[in-house]
Amino acid sequence: LQPRDYERLARHLAAQARVLAESLRRLC
């Protein structure tokens, strides 16, 4: 994979992690 592909995947996964963390924070 090209660095831009890793960057794109990392960006999507990080965004999803932020959303999930916010949901977890609310439940916690």
PDB file of all heavy atoms in Angstrom:
ATOM      1  N   LEU A   1       0.836  -1.192   0.000  1.00  0.00           N
ATOM      2  CA  LEU A   1       0.000   0.000   0.000  1.00  0.00           C
ATOM      3  C   LEU A   1       0.876   1.248   0.000  1.00  0.00           C
ATOM      4  O   LEU A   1       1.977   1.248   0.544  1.00  0.00           O
ATOM      5  CB  LEU A   1      -0.916   0.026   1.222  1.00  0.00           C
ATOM      6  CG  LEU A   1      -1.984  -1.051   1.306  1.00  0.00           C
ATOM      7  CD1 LEU A   1      -2.800  -0.877   2.576  1.00  0.00           C
ATOM      8  CD2 LEU A   1      -2.887  -1.043   0.098  1.00  0.00           C
ATOM      9  N   GLN A   2       0.348   2.275  -0.576  1.00  0.00           N
ATOM     10  CA  GLN A   2       1.039   3.564  -0.594  1.00  0.00           C
ATOM     11  C   GLN A   2       0.804   4.281   0.731  1.00  0.00           C
ATOM     12  O   GLN A   2      -0.217   4.051   1.397  1.00  0.00           O
ATOM     13  CB  GLN A   2       0.503   4.427  -1.746  1.00  0.00           C
ATOM     14  CG  GLN A   2       0.722   3.841  -3.113  1.00  0.00           C
ATOM     15  CD  GLN A   2       2.207   3.736  -3.420  1.00  0.00           C
ATOM     16  OE1 GLN A   2       2.958   4.685  -3.206  1.00  0.00           O
ATOM     17  NE2 GLN A   2       2.620   2.582  -3.910  1.00  0.00           N
ATOM     18  N   PRO A   3       1.703   5.156   1.141  1.00  0.00           N
ATOM     19  CA  PRO A   3       1.500   5.910   2.390  1.00  0.00           C
ATOM     20  C   PRO A   3       0.143   6.619   2.432  1.00  0.00           C
ATOM     21  O   PRO A   3      -0.493   6.666   3.480  1.00  0.00           O
ATOM     22  CB  PRO A   3       2.651   6.911   2.402  1.00  0.00           C
ATOM     23  CG  PRO A   3       3.728   6.224   1.628  1.00  0.00           C
ATOM     24  CD  PRO A   3       3.007   5.445   0.550  1.00  0.00           C
ATOM     25  N   ARG A   4      -0.321   7.124   1.313  1.00  0.00           N
ATOM     26  CA  ARG A   4      -1.625   7.813   1.303  1.00  0.00           C
ATOM     27  C   ARG A   4      -2.765   6.848   1.629  1.00  0.00           C
ATOM     28  O   ARG A   4      -3.765   7.240   2.221  1.00  0.00           O
ATOM     29  CB  ARG A   4      -1.857   8.529  -0.023  1.00  0.00           C
ATOM     30  CG  ARG A   4      -2.105   7.612  -1.190  1.00  0.00           C
ATOM     31  CD  ARG A   4      -2.396   8.390  -2.494  1.00  0.00           C
ATOM     32  NE  ARG A   4      -2.525   7.463  -3.583  1.00  0.00           N
ATOM     33  CZ  ARG A   4      -1.529   6.991  -4.317  1.00  0.00           C
ATOM     34  NH1 ARG A   4      -0.298   7.405  -4.085  1.00  0.00           N
ATOM     35  NH2 ARG A   4      -1.749   6.134  -5.290  1.00  0.00           N
ATOM     36  N   ASP A   5      -2.618   5.569   1.253  1.00  0.00           N
ATOM     37  CA  ASP A   5      -3.636   4.569   1.576  1.00  0.00           C
ATOM     38  C   ASP A   5      -3.651   4.297   3.080  1.00  0.00           C
ATOM     39  O   ASP A   5      -4.712   4.220   3.698  1.00  0.00           O
ATOM     40  CB  ASP A   5      -3.384   3.272   0.823  1.00  0.00           C
ATOM     41  CG  ASP A   5      -3.495   3.444  -0.686  1.00  0.00           C
ATOM     42  OD1 ASP A   5      -4.344   4.249  -1.126  1.00  0.00           O
ATOM     43  OD2 ASP A   5      -2.723   2.788  -1.401  1.00  0.00           O
ATOM     44  N   TYR A   6      -2.458   4.139   3.669  1.00  0.00           N
ATOM     45  CA  TYR A   6      -2.379   3.957   5.117  1.00  0.00           C
ATOM     46  C   TYR A   6      -2.940   5.183   5.843  1.00  0.00           C
ATOM     47  O   TYR A   6      -3.644   5.065   6.833  1.00  0.00           O
ATOM     48  CB  TYR A   6      -0.934   3.720   5.565  1.00  0.00           C
ATOM     49  CG  TYR A   6      -0.371   2.393   5.146  1.00  0.00           C
ATOM     50  CD1 TYR A   6       0.781   2.314   4.378  1.00  0.00           C
ATOM     51  CD2 TYR A   6      -0.990   1.194   5.530  1.00  0.00           C
ATOM     52  CE1 TYR A   6       1.313   1.091   4.007  1.00  0.00           C
ATOM     53  CE2 TYR A   6      -0.463  -0.029   5.155  1.00  0.00           C
ATOM     54  CZ  TYR A   6       0.682  -0.075   4.390  1.00  0.00           C
ATOM     55  OH  TYR A   6       1.202  -1.296   4.026  1.00  0.00           O
ATOM     56  N   GLU A   7      -2.614   6.358   5.316  1.00  0.00           N
ATOM     57  CA  GLU A   7      -3.093   7.599   5.926  1.00  0.00           C
ATOM     58  C   GLU A   7      -4.621   7.661   5.884  1.00  0.00           C
ATOM     59  O   GLU A   7      -5.265   8.025   6.867  1.00  0.00           O
ATOM     60  CB  GLU A   7      -2.489   8.800   5.197  1.00  0.00           C
ATOM     61  CG  GLU A   7      -2.879  10.131   5.792  1.00  0.00           C
ATOM     62  CD  GLU A   7      -2.262  11.294   5.027  1.00  0.00           C
ATOM     63  OE1 GLU A   7      -1.224  11.104   4.355  1.00  0.00           O
ATOM     64  OE2 GLU A   7      -2.835  12.385   5.102  1.00  0.00           O
ATOM     65  N   ARG A   8      -5.198   7.312   4.761  1.00  0.00           N
ATOM     66  CA  ARG A   8      -6.656   7.342   4.610  1.00  0.00           C
ATOM     67  C   ARG A   8      -7.321   6.354   5.569  1.00  0.00           C
ATOM     68  O   ARG A   8      -8.292   6.683   6.248  1.00  0.00           O
ATOM     69  CB  ARG A   8      -7.041   7.035   3.166  1.00  0.00           C
ATOM     70  CG  ARG A   8      -8.503   7.303   2.896  1.00  0.00           C
ATOM     71  CD  ARG A   8      -8.849   7.101   1.443  1.00  0.00           C
ATOM     72  NE  ARG A   8      -9.565   5.836   1.403  1.00  0.00           N
ATOM     73  CZ  ARG A   8      -9.418   4.883   0.511  1.00  0.00           C
ATOM     74  NH1 ARG A   8      -8.566   5.033  -0.461  1.00  0.00           N
ATOM     75  NH2 ARG A   8     -10.119   3.788   0.566  1.00  0.00           N
ATOM     76  N   LEU A   9      -6.788   5.144   5.640  1.00  0.00           N
ATOM     77  CA  LEU A   9      -7.345   4.147   6.545  1.00  0.00           C
ATOM     78  C   LEU A   9      -7.209   4.594   8.000  1.00  0.00           C
ATOM     79  O   LEU A   9      -8.137   4.453   8.800  1.00  0.00           O
ATOM     80  CB  LEU A   9      -6.653   2.798   6.341  1.00  0.00           C
ATOM     81  CG  LEU A   9      -7.033   2.063   5.064  1.00  0.00           C
ATOM     82  CD1 LEU A   9      -6.075   0.907   4.811  1.00  0.00           C
ATOM     83  CD2 LEU A   9      -8.464   1.572   5.133  1.00  0.00           C
ATOM     84  N   ALA A  10      -6.050   5.145   8.340  1.00  0.00           N
ATOM     85  CA  ALA A  10      -5.823   5.620   9.706  1.00  0.00           C
ATOM     86  C   ALA A  10      -6.797   6.745  10.049  1.00  0.00           C
ATOM     87  O   ALA A  10      -7.338   6.789  11.159  1.00  0.00           O
ATOM     88  CB  ALA A  10      -4.383   6.096   9.871  1.00  0.00           C
ATOM     89  N   ARG A  11      -7.034   7.636   9.112  1.00  0.00           N
ATOM     90  CA  ARG A  11      -7.962   8.747   9.337  1.00  0.00           C
ATOM     91  C   ARG A  11      -9.372   8.228   9.607  1.00  0.00           C
ATOM     92  O   ARG A  11     -10.050   8.664  10.543  1.00  0.00           O
ATOM     93  CB  ARG A  11      -7.922   9.688   8.135  1.00  0.00           C
ATOM     94  CG  ARG A  11      -8.462  11.058   8.405  1.00  0.00           C
ATOM     95  CD  ARG A  11      -8.243  12.057   7.268  1.00  0.00           C
ATOM     96  NE  ARG A  11      -8.595  11.539   5.964  1.00  0.00           N
ATOM     97  CZ  ARG A  11      -7.727  11.289   4.979  1.00  0.00           C
ATOM     98  NH1 ARG A  11      -6.450  11.515   5.156  1.00  0.00           N
ATOM     99  NH2 ARG A  11      -8.131  10.829   3.822  1.00  0.00           N
ATOM    100  N   HIS A  12      -9.832   7.264   8.811  1.00  0.00           N
ATOM    101  CA  HIS A  12     -11.171   6.699   9.002  1.00  0.00           C
ATOM    102  C   HIS A  12     -11.283   5.956  10.332  1.00  0.00           C
ATOM    103  O   HIS A  12     -12.265   6.118  11.062  1.00  0.00           O
ATOM    104  CB  HIS A  12     -11.531   5.737   7.859  1.00  0.00           C
ATOM    105  CG  HIS A  12     -11.923   6.431   6.603  1.00  0.00           C
ATOM    106  ND1 HIS A  12     -13.117   7.088   6.459  1.00  0.00           N
ATOM    107  CD2 HIS A  12     -11.288   6.552   5.417  1.00  0.00           C
ATOM    108  CE1 HIS A  12     -13.207   7.594   5.249  1.00  0.00           C
ATOM    109  NE2 HIS A  12     -12.096   7.284   4.594  1.00  0.00           N
ATOM    110  N   LEU A  13     -10.283   5.148  10.648  1.00  0.00           N
ATOM    111  CA  LEU A  13     -10.320   4.391  11.903  1.00  0.00           C
ATOM    112  C   LEU A  13     -10.242   5.325  13.116  1.00  0.00           C
ATOM    113  O   LEU A  13     -10.944   5.113  14.108  1.00  0.00           O
ATOM    114  CB  LEU A  13      -9.193   3.361  11.938  1.00  0.00           C
ATOM    115  CG  LEU A  13      -9.393   2.162  11.013  1.00  0.00           C
ATOM    116  CD1 LEU A  13      -8.093   1.380  10.847  1.00  0.00           C
ATOM    117  CD2 LEU A  13     -10.505   1.254  11.527  1.00  0.00           C
ATOM    118  N   ALA A  14      -9.419   6.359  13.027  1.00  0.00           N
ATOM    119  CA  ALA A  14      -9.310   7.317  14.132  1.00  0.00           C
ATOM    120  C   ALA A  14     -10.627   8.067  14.332  1.00  0.00           C
ATOM    121  O   ALA A  14     -11.064   8.282  15.469  1.00  0.00           O
ATOM    122  CB  ALA A  14      -8.166   8.300  13.878  1.00  0.00           C
ATOM    123  N   ALA A  15     -11.281   8.439  13.243  1.00  0.00           N
ATOM    124  CA  ALA A  15     -12.571   9.127  13.352  1.00  0.00           C
ATOM    125  C   ALA A  15     -13.607   8.219  14.005  1.00  0.00           C
ATOM    126  O   ALA A  15     -14.372   8.649  14.878  1.00  0.00           O
ATOM    127  CB  ALA A  15     -13.050   9.582  11.973  1.00  0.00           C
ATOM    128  N   GLN A  16     -13.627   6.960  13.619  1.00  0.00           N
ATOM    129  CA  GLN A  16     -14.573   6.024  14.218  1.00  0.00           C
ATOM    130  C   GLN A  16     -14.241   5.807  15.694  1.00  0.00           C
ATOM    131  O   GLN A  16     -15.140   5.740  16.533  1.00  0.00           O
ATOM    132  CB  GLN A  16     -14.577   4.699  13.465  1.00  0.00           C
ATOM    133  CG  GLN A  16     -15.649   3.737  13.926  1.00  0.00           C
ATOM    134  CD  GLN A  16     -17.068   4.182  13.603  1.00  0.00           C
ATOM    135  OE1 GLN A  16     -17.296   5.244  13.033  1.00  0.00           O
ATOM    136  NE2 GLN A  16     -18.023   3.375  13.974  1.00  0.00           N
ATOM    137  N   ALA A  17     -12.968   5.713  16.029  1.00  0.00           N
ATOM    138  CA  ALA A  17     -12.563   5.551  17.431  1.00  0.00           C
ATOM    139  C   ALA A  17     -13.034   6.741  18.264  1.00  0.00           C
ATOM    140  O   ALA A  17     -13.488   6.561  19.402  1.00  0.00           O
ATOM    141  CB  ALA A  17     -11.049   5.380  17.529  1.00  0.00           C
ATOM    142  N   ARG A  18     -12.959   7.948  17.720  1.00  0.00           N
ATOM    143  CA  ARG A  18     -13.428   9.134  18.450  1.00  0.00           C
ATOM    144  C   ARG A  18     -14.934   9.060  18.707  1.00  0.00           C
ATOM    145  O   ARG A  18     -15.401   9.376  19.798  1.00  0.00           O
ATOM    146  CB  ARG A  18     -13.088  10.407  17.670  1.00  0.00           C
ATOM    147  CG  ARG A  18     -11.656  10.797  17.766  1.00  0.00           C
ATOM    148  CD  ARG A  18     -11.355  12.123  17.065  1.00  0.00           C
ATOM    149  NE  ARG A  18      -9.931  12.353  17.056  1.00  0.00           N
ATOM    150  CZ  ARG A  18      -9.101  11.933  16.100  1.00  0.00           C
ATOM    151  NH1 ARG A  18      -9.561  11.286  15.040  1.00  0.00           N
ATOM    152  NH2 ARG A  18      -7.817  12.167  16.179  1.00  0.00           N
ATOM    153  N   VAL A  19     -15.688   8.634  17.702  1.00  0.00           N
ATOM    154  CA  VAL A  19     -17.136   8.503  17.847  1.00  0.00           C
ATOM    155  C   VAL A  19     -17.463   7.460  18.917  1.00  0.00           C
ATOM    156  O   VAL A  19     -18.299   7.681  19.796  1.00  0.00           O
ATOM    157  CB  VAL A  19     -17.793   8.117  16.492  1.00  0.00           C
ATOM    158  CG1 VAL A  19     -19.247   7.728  16.671  1.00  0.00           C
ATOM    159  CG2 VAL A  19     -17.654   9.258  15.502  1.00  0.00           C
ATOM    160  N   LEU A  20     -16.789   6.322  18.845  1.00  0.00           N
ATOM    161  CA  LEU A  20     -17.036   5.248  19.809  1.00  0.00           C
ATOM    162  C   LEU A  20     -16.632   5.671  21.221  1.00  0.00           C
ATOM    163  O   LEU A  20     -17.326   5.365  22.195  1.00  0.00           O
ATOM    164  CB  LEU A  20     -16.283   3.986  19.393  1.00  0.00           C
ATOM    165  CG  LEU A  20     -16.747   3.356  18.080  1.00  0.00           C
ATOM    166  CD1 LEU A  20     -15.805   2.230  17.670  1.00  0.00           C
ATOM    167  CD2 LEU A  20     -18.172   2.869  18.179  1.00  0.00           C
ATOM    168  N   ALA A  21     -15.509   6.380  21.332  1.00  0.00           N
ATOM    169  CA  ALA A  21     -15.055   6.845  22.644  1.00  0.00           C
ATOM    170  C   ALA A  21     -16.066   7.812  23.247  1.00  0.00           C
ATOM    171  O   ALA A  21     -16.330   7.767  24.454  1.00  0.00           O
ATOM    172  CB  ALA A  21     -13.674   7.496  22.533  1.00  0.00           C
ATOM    173  N   GLU A  22     -16.636   8.662  22.441  1.00  0.00           N
ATOM    174  CA  GLU A  22     -17.646   9.599  22.941  1.00  0.00           C
ATOM    175  C   GLU A  22     -18.884   8.846  23.419  1.00  0.00           C
ATOM    176  O   GLU A  22     -19.437   9.165  24.478  1.00  0.00           O
ATOM    177  CB  GLU A  22     -18.024  10.616  21.852  1.00  0.00           C
ATOM    178  CG  GLU A  22     -18.982  11.678  22.332  1.00  0.00           C
ATOM    179  CD  GLU A  22     -18.468  12.465  23.532  1.00  0.00           C
ATOM    180  OE1 GLU A  22     -17.255  12.714  23.637  1.00  0.00           O
ATOM    181  OE2 GLU A  22     -19.303  12.832  24.390  1.00  0.00           O
ATOM    182  N   SER A  23     -19.300   7.832  22.699  1.00  0.00           N
ATOM    183  CA  SER A  23     -20.433   7.008  23.141  1.00  0.00           C
ATOM    184  C   SER A  23     -20.094   6.300  24.451  1.00  0.00           C
ATOM    185  O   SER A  23     -20.916   6.238  25.369  1.00  0.00           O
ATOM    186  CB  SER A  23     -20.781   5.960  22.079  1.00  0.00           C
ATOM    187  OG  SER A  23     -21.254   6.566  20.918  1.00  0.00           O
ATOM    188  N   LEU A  24     -18.890   5.771  24.536  1.00  0.00           N
ATOM    189  CA  LEU A  24     -18.455   5.083  25.744  1.00  0.00           C
ATOM    190  C   LEU A  24     -18.404   6.052  26.928  1.00  0.00           C
ATOM    191  O   LEU A  24     -18.831   5.724  28.032  1.00  0.00           O
ATOM    192  CB  LEU A  24     -17.088   4.430  25.519  1.00  0.00           C
ATOM    193  CG  LEU A  24     -16.509   3.637  26.681  1.00  0.00           C
ATOM    194  CD1 LEU A  24     -17.448   2.519  27.112  1.00  0.00           C
ATOM    195  CD2 LEU A  24     -15.151   3.063  26.292  1.00  0.00           C
ATOM    196  N   ARG A  25     -17.921   7.260  26.689  1.00  0.00           N
ATOM    197  CA  ARG A  25     -17.855   8.276  27.739  1.00  0.00           C
ATOM    198  C   ARG A  25     -19.248   8.573  28.291  1.00  0.00           C
ATOM    199  O   ARG A  25     -19.444   8.648  29.506  1.00  0.00           O
ATOM    200  CB  ARG A  25     -17.230   9.560  27.172  1.00  0.00           C
ATOM    201  CG  ARG A  25     -16.221  10.191  28.041  1.00  0.00           C
ATOM    202  CD  ARG A  25     -15.552  11.406  27.409  1.00  0.00           C
ATOM    203  NE  ARG A  25     -14.201  11.055  26.993  1.00  0.00           N
ATOM    204  CZ  ARG A  25     -13.796  10.858  25.741  1.00  0.00           C
ATOM    205  NH1 ARG A  25     -14.623  11.000  24.743  1.00  0.00           N
ATOM    206  NH2 ARG A  25     -12.561  10.527  25.473  1.00  0.00           N
ATOM    207  N   ARG A  26     -20.224   8.726  27.384  1.00  0.00           N
ATOM    208  CA  ARG A  26     -21.604   9.014  27.806  1.00  0.00           C
ATOM    209  C   ARG A  26     -22.170   7.878  28.653  1.00  0.00           C
ATOM    210  O   ARG A  26     -22.836   8.107  29.656  1.00  0.00           O
ATOM    211  CB  ARG A  26     -22.492   9.275  26.594  1.00  0.00           C
ATOM    212  CG  ARG A  26     -22.301  10.644  25.972  1.00  0.00           C
ATOM    213  CD  ARG A  26     -23.415  10.986  25.007  1.00  0.00           C
ATOM    214  NE  ARG A  26     -23.571  10.013  23.938  1.00  0.00           N
ATOM    215  CZ  ARG A  26     -23.062  10.134  22.717  1.00  0.00           C
ATOM    216  NH1 ARG A  26     -22.360  11.193  22.403  1.00  0.00           N
ATOM    217  NH2 ARG A  26     -23.261   9.205  21.814  1.00  0.00           N
ATOM    218  N   LEU A  27     -21.909   6.630  28.247  1.00  0.00           N
ATOM    219  CA  LEU A  27     -22.413   5.483  29.003  1.00  0.00           C
ATOM    220  C   LEU A  27     -21.683   5.328  30.333  1.00  0.00           C
ATOM    221  O   LEU A  27     -22.272   4.938  31.341  1.00  0.00           O
ATOM    222  CB  LEU A  27     -22.266   4.201  28.186  1.00  0.00           C
ATOM    223  CG  LEU A  27     -23.193   4.068  26.979  1.00  0.00           C
ATOM    224  CD1 LEU A  27     -22.802   2.857  26.146  1.00  0.00           C
ATOM    225  CD2 LEU A  27     -24.633   3.974  27.423  1.00  0.00           C
ATOM    226  N   CYS A  28     -20.416   5.629  30.329  1.00  0.00           N
ATOM    227  CA  CYS A  28     -19.571   5.465  31.515  1.00  0.00           C
ATOM    228  C   CYS A  28     -20.045   6.381  32.647  1.00  0.00           C
ATOM    229  O   CYS A  28     -20.018   5.993  33.821  1.00  0.00           O
ATOM    230  CB  CYS A  28     -18.133   5.775  31.131  1.00  0.00           C
ATOM    231  SG  CYS A  28     -16.924   5.218  32.309  1.00  0.00           S
TER     232      CYS A  28
END
